[in-house]
Amino acid sequence: MDTLLATVIHDAKNGLATLGAWLEQARAQTPSPALEEACRQAQRINTQLVELLALHRGSEGTLRLAIADHDLADFVDDLKAEWLAPPQSTITVSWPADAGRIGAWAFDAYQVKLVLLDVLRNALRHARTTVALRLAVEPGGGIRFTVQDDGPGFPVAHSATMHDQGSGLGLSFARLIAREHRTPNGKHGDIEMKNAPQGGALFSLILP
């Protein structure tokens, strides 16, 4: 991606942010399924533009994460507040109730939020009845965010698509953000995808 294209994407992202703000205001004043869907699509497109810019900066070696300590209970609350389910969706989304038990963790809240919202949207498209987000501390150190759905799971031959309609954009972005989280001794984050023994897909974002 050249500099001109990156600039165009950046400008489009800013314009979309303004449009999204107007849509949110209209939705708050006059709720409707059409406005709900418009807000959801604006959020999705904005995420894709941010992902493209991040991948460009990652390839140029100029991506810088804003890593700081964040209370995980507050982070989950923020994630829930930004989550927009499709109108008329019958899928139940469950959120971790014990995030406060873990306390605080150091990570880039904005980028991690984008990854998780993208994964949740993808899981929702394939779930039959439920999607769940869970948090756990890794035995060897680190934290694991896991999104599980009760859909058909990842096709073995196509597990790398992360249900993202074959573009690979969301998967590449998730892996980039995970691996840009590094400890001073060089340990970095990663992603993990597999099928649950009882069925459904499991996507994990592991941060050091």
Protein backbone atom coordinates (compact mmCIF):
# COMPACT_ATOMS: atom_id res chain seq x y z
CA MET A 1 0.00 0.00 0.00
CA ASP A 2 1.55 3.33 -1.02
CA THR A 3 1.45 6.57 0.95
CA LEU A 4 -1.25 8.14 -1.23
CA LEU A 5 -3.62 5.23 -0.70
CA ALA A 6 -2.92 5.27 3.04
CA THR A 7 -3.78 8.98 3.10
CA VAL A 8 -7.03 8.38 1.23
CA ILE A 9 -8.00 5.62 3.66
CA HIS A 10 -7.19 7.88 6.60
CA ASP A 11 -9.37 10.67 5.20
CA ALA A 12 -12.20 8.23 4.47
CA LYS A 13 -11.98 6.93 8.03
CA ASN A 14 -12.29 10.45 9.42
CA GLY A 15 -15.27 11.19 7.19
CA LEU A 16 -16.91 7.94 8.23
CA ALA A 17 -16.39 8.83 11.89
CA THR A 18 -18.35 12.05 11.35
CA LEU A 19 -21.10 10.16 9.56
CA GLY A 20 -21.17 7.59 12.34
CA ALA A 21 -21.59 10.30 14.97
CA TRP A 22 -24.58 11.73 13.09
CA LEU A 23 -26.10 8.27 12.74
CA GLU A 24 -25.67 7.59 16.45
CA GLN A 25 -27.35 10.89 17.27
CA ALA A 26 -30.26 10.09 14.96
CA ARG A 27 -30.55 6.60 16.46
CA ALA A 28 -30.69 8.03 19.98
CA GLN A 29 -33.41 10.51 19.00
CA THR A 30 -35.50 8.20 16.82
CA PRO A 31 -34.63 4.52 17.26
CA SER A 32 -35.40 2.30 14.29
CA PRO A 33 -34.14 -1.00 12.82
CA ALA A 34 -32.87 0.86 9.75
CA LEU A 35 -30.75 3.25 11.84
CA GLU A 36 -29.50 0.35 13.97
CA GLU A 37 -28.30 -1.40 10.83
CA ALA A 38 -26.78 1.81 9.42
CA CYS A 39 -24.80 2.34 12.64
CA ARG A 40 -23.67 -1.27 12.63
CA GLN A 41 -22.47 -1.07 9.03
CA ALA A 42 -20.67 2.23 9.66
CA GLN A 43 -18.92 0.60 12.64
CA ARG A 44 -17.93 -2.40 10.52
CA ILE A 45 -16.54 -0.30 7.66
CA ASN A 46 -14.65 1.93 10.08
CA THR A 47 -13.06 -1.15 11.63
CA GLN A 48 -11.94 -2.37 8.21
CA LEU A 49 -10.36 1.00 7.40
CA VAL A 50 -8.53 1.03 10.73
CA GLU A 51 -7.34 -2.52 10.06
CA LEU A 52 -6.01 -1.54 6.63
CA LEU A 53 -4.09 1.40 8.07
CA ALA A 54 -2.68 -0.72 10.87
CA LEU A 55 -1.52 -3.39 8.43
CA HIS A 56 0.12 -0.70 6.28
CA ARG A 57 1.92 0.76 9.29
CA GLY A 58 2.87 -2.72 10.43
CA SER A 59 4.46 -3.45 7.05
CA GLU A 60 6.31 -0.13 7.23
CA GLY A 61 7.43 -0.72 10.81
CA THR A 62 5.64 2.43 11.99
CA LEU A 63 2.74 0.92 13.95
CA ARG A 64 2.83 2.10 17.56
CA LEU A 65 0.49 0.71 20.18
CA ALA A 66 -0.83 2.79 23.09
CA ILE A 67 -0.26 0.22 25.82
CA ALA A 68 -1.46 1.15 29.30
CA ASP A 69 -2.99 -0.53 32.34
CA HIS A 70 -6.73 -1.08 31.98
CA ASP A 71 -9.21 -2.45 34.48
CA LEU A 72 -10.70 -5.47 32.73
CA ALA A 73 -14.18 -5.00 34.21
CA ASP A 74 -14.26 -1.46 32.81
CA PHE A 75 -12.89 -2.70 29.50
CA VAL A 76 -15.66 -5.31 29.18
CA ASP A 77 -18.25 -2.64 30.04
CA ASP A 78 -16.86 -0.42 27.27
CA LEU A 79 -16.92 -3.35 24.85
CA LYS A 80 -20.56 -4.07 25.69
CA ALA A 81 -21.46 -0.40 25.22
CA GLU A 82 -19.96 -0.38 21.71
CA TRP A 83 -21.42 -3.73 20.67
CA LEU A 84 -24.22 -3.40 18.12
CA ALA A 85 -26.10 -6.60 17.36
CA PRO A 86 -27.92 -6.85 14.03
CA PRO A 87 -31.58 -5.79 14.19
CA GLN A 88 -33.93 -8.68 14.93
CA SER A 89 -31.00 -10.91 15.95
CA THR A 90 -32.06 -13.84 18.14
CA ILE A 91 -28.51 -14.79 19.12
CA THR A 92 -27.66 -14.39 22.82
CA VAL A 93 -24.28 -12.79 23.53
CA SER A 94 -22.88 -13.50 27.00
CA TRP A 95 -20.15 -11.43 28.61
CA PRO A 96 -17.63 -12.39 31.31
CA ALA A 97 -18.99 -11.59 34.76
CA ASP A 98 -15.69 -12.18 36.55
CA ALA A 99 -13.43 -9.72 34.71
CA GLY A 100 -13.05 -7.70 37.92
CA ARG A 101 -11.47 -10.72 39.58
CA ILE A 102 -8.50 -10.49 37.24
CA GLY A 103 -8.04 -6.77 37.86
CA ALA A 104 -5.94 -4.67 35.49
CA TRP A 105 -3.79 -5.63 32.50
CA ALA A 106 -1.50 -3.68 30.19
CA PHE A 107 -2.65 -3.58 26.56
CA ASP A 108 -3.84 -1.24 23.80
CA ALA A 109 -7.53 -1.05 24.66
CA TYR A 110 -8.57 0.56 21.37
CA GLN A 111 -6.90 -1.99 19.10
CA VAL A 112 -7.89 -4.98 21.23
CA LYS A 113 -11.47 -3.73 21.29
CA LEU A 114 -11.49 -3.59 17.48
CA VAL A 115 -10.19 -7.15 17.26
CA LEU A 116 -12.80 -8.49 19.67
CA LEU A 117 -15.71 -6.60 18.12
CA ASP A 118 -14.70 -7.97 14.71
CA VAL A 119 -14.47 -11.52 16.06
CA LEU A 120 -17.84 -11.17 17.81
CA ARG A 121 -19.48 -9.97 14.59
CA ASN A 122 -18.04 -12.92 12.69
CA ALA A 123 -19.12 -15.38 15.38
CA LEU A 124 -22.64 -13.96 15.37
CA ARG A 125 -23.01 -14.74 11.68
CA HIS A 126 -22.33 -18.42 12.27
CA ALA A 127 -23.83 -19.08 15.70
CA ARG A 128 -27.09 -20.96 16.08
CA THR A 129 -28.16 -19.56 19.46
CA THR A 130 -25.25 -18.21 21.51
CA VAL A 131 -21.92 -16.40 21.39
CA ALA A 132 -19.78 -16.07 24.51
CA LEU A 133 -16.75 -13.96 25.43
CA ARG A 134 -14.55 -15.31 28.20
CA LEU A 135 -11.41 -14.10 29.97
CA ALA A 136 -8.73 -16.21 31.62
CA VAL A 137 -5.20 -15.77 32.94
CA GLU A 138 -2.72 -18.06 31.21
CA PRO A 139 -0.81 -20.50 33.47
CA GLY A 140 2.53 -19.35 32.08
CA GLY A 141 1.62 -15.66 32.21
CA GLY A 142 -0.56 -13.62 29.91
CA ILE A 143 -4.27 -13.15 29.41
CA ARG A 144 -6.60 -14.95 27.01
CA PHE A 145 -9.73 -13.45 25.46
CA THR A 146 -11.83 -16.25 23.93
CA VAL A 147 -14.91 -15.91 21.71
CA GLN A 148 -16.93 -19.10 21.31
CA ASP A 149 -20.00 -19.72 19.18
CA ASP A 150 -22.27 -22.74 18.84
CA GLY A 151 -22.21 -22.81 15.06
CA PRO A 152 -20.72 -25.46 12.75
CA GLY A 153 -17.14 -24.55 13.65
CA PHE A 154 -14.18 -23.84 11.39
CA PRO A 155 -13.98 -26.00 8.26
CA VAL A 156 -10.67 -27.81 8.60
CA ALA A 157 -9.49 -26.76 5.14
CA HIS A 158 -10.54 -23.14 5.64
CA SER A 159 -9.89 -22.43 9.31
CA ALA A 160 -7.56 -19.55 8.45
CA THR A 161 -10.42 -17.41 7.13
CA MET A 162 -11.82 -16.84 10.63
CA HIS A 163 -15.31 -16.80 9.10
CA ASP A 164 -14.42 -13.43 7.56
CA GLN A 165 -15.82 -14.08 4.09
CA GLY A 166 -12.40 -15.04 2.78
CA SER A 167 -10.82 -11.57 2.88
CA GLY A 168 -8.31 -12.48 5.57
CA LEU A 169 -8.26 -8.82 6.68
CA GLY A 170 -9.66 -9.38 10.17
CA LEU A 171 -7.40 -12.36 10.77
CA SER A 172 -4.27 -10.52 9.62
CA PHE A 173 -5.16 -7.54 11.80
CA ALA A 174 -5.83 -9.71 14.85
CA ARG A 175 -2.50 -11.50 14.45
CA LEU A 176 -0.65 -8.20 13.95
CA ILE A 177 -2.14 -6.60 17.06
CA ALA A 178 -1.49 -9.71 19.14
CA ARG A 179 2.16 -9.93 18.09
CA GLU A 180 2.78 -6.21 18.53
CA HIS A 181 2.04 -6.70 22.23
CA ARG A 182 5.49 -7.60 23.51
CA THR A 183 7.20 -7.91 26.87
CA PRO A 184 10.71 -6.48 27.46
CA ASN A 185 12.15 -9.99 27.12
CA GLY A 186 10.61 -10.41 23.66
CA LYS A 187 7.57 -12.56 24.45
CA HIS A 188 4.68 -11.58 22.19
CA GLY A 189 0.98 -12.28 21.92
CA ASP A 190 -0.72 -14.48 19.36
CA ILE A 191 -4.08 -15.79 18.17
CA GLU A 192 -5.46 -19.30 18.27
CA MET A 193 -8.34 -20.83 16.33
CA LYS A 194 -9.82 -24.26 16.85
CA ASN A 195 -13.09 -26.13 17.08
CA ALA A 196 -14.57 -26.83 20.50
CA PRO A 197 -14.97 -30.53 21.43
CA GLN A 198 -18.72 -30.01 21.87
CA GLY A 199 -18.98 -28.13 18.56
CA GLY A 200 -18.65 -24.53 17.53
CA ALA A 201 -15.64 -22.31 16.86
CA LEU A 202 -13.17 -20.99 19.41
CA PHE A 203 -11.10 -17.90 18.68
CA SER A 204 -8.56 -16.76 21.26
CA LEU A 205 -6.51 -13.58 21.48
CA ILE A 206 -3.59 -14.15 23.85
CA LEU A 207 -1.66 -11.17 25.19
CA PRO A 208 1.53 -11.33 27.28
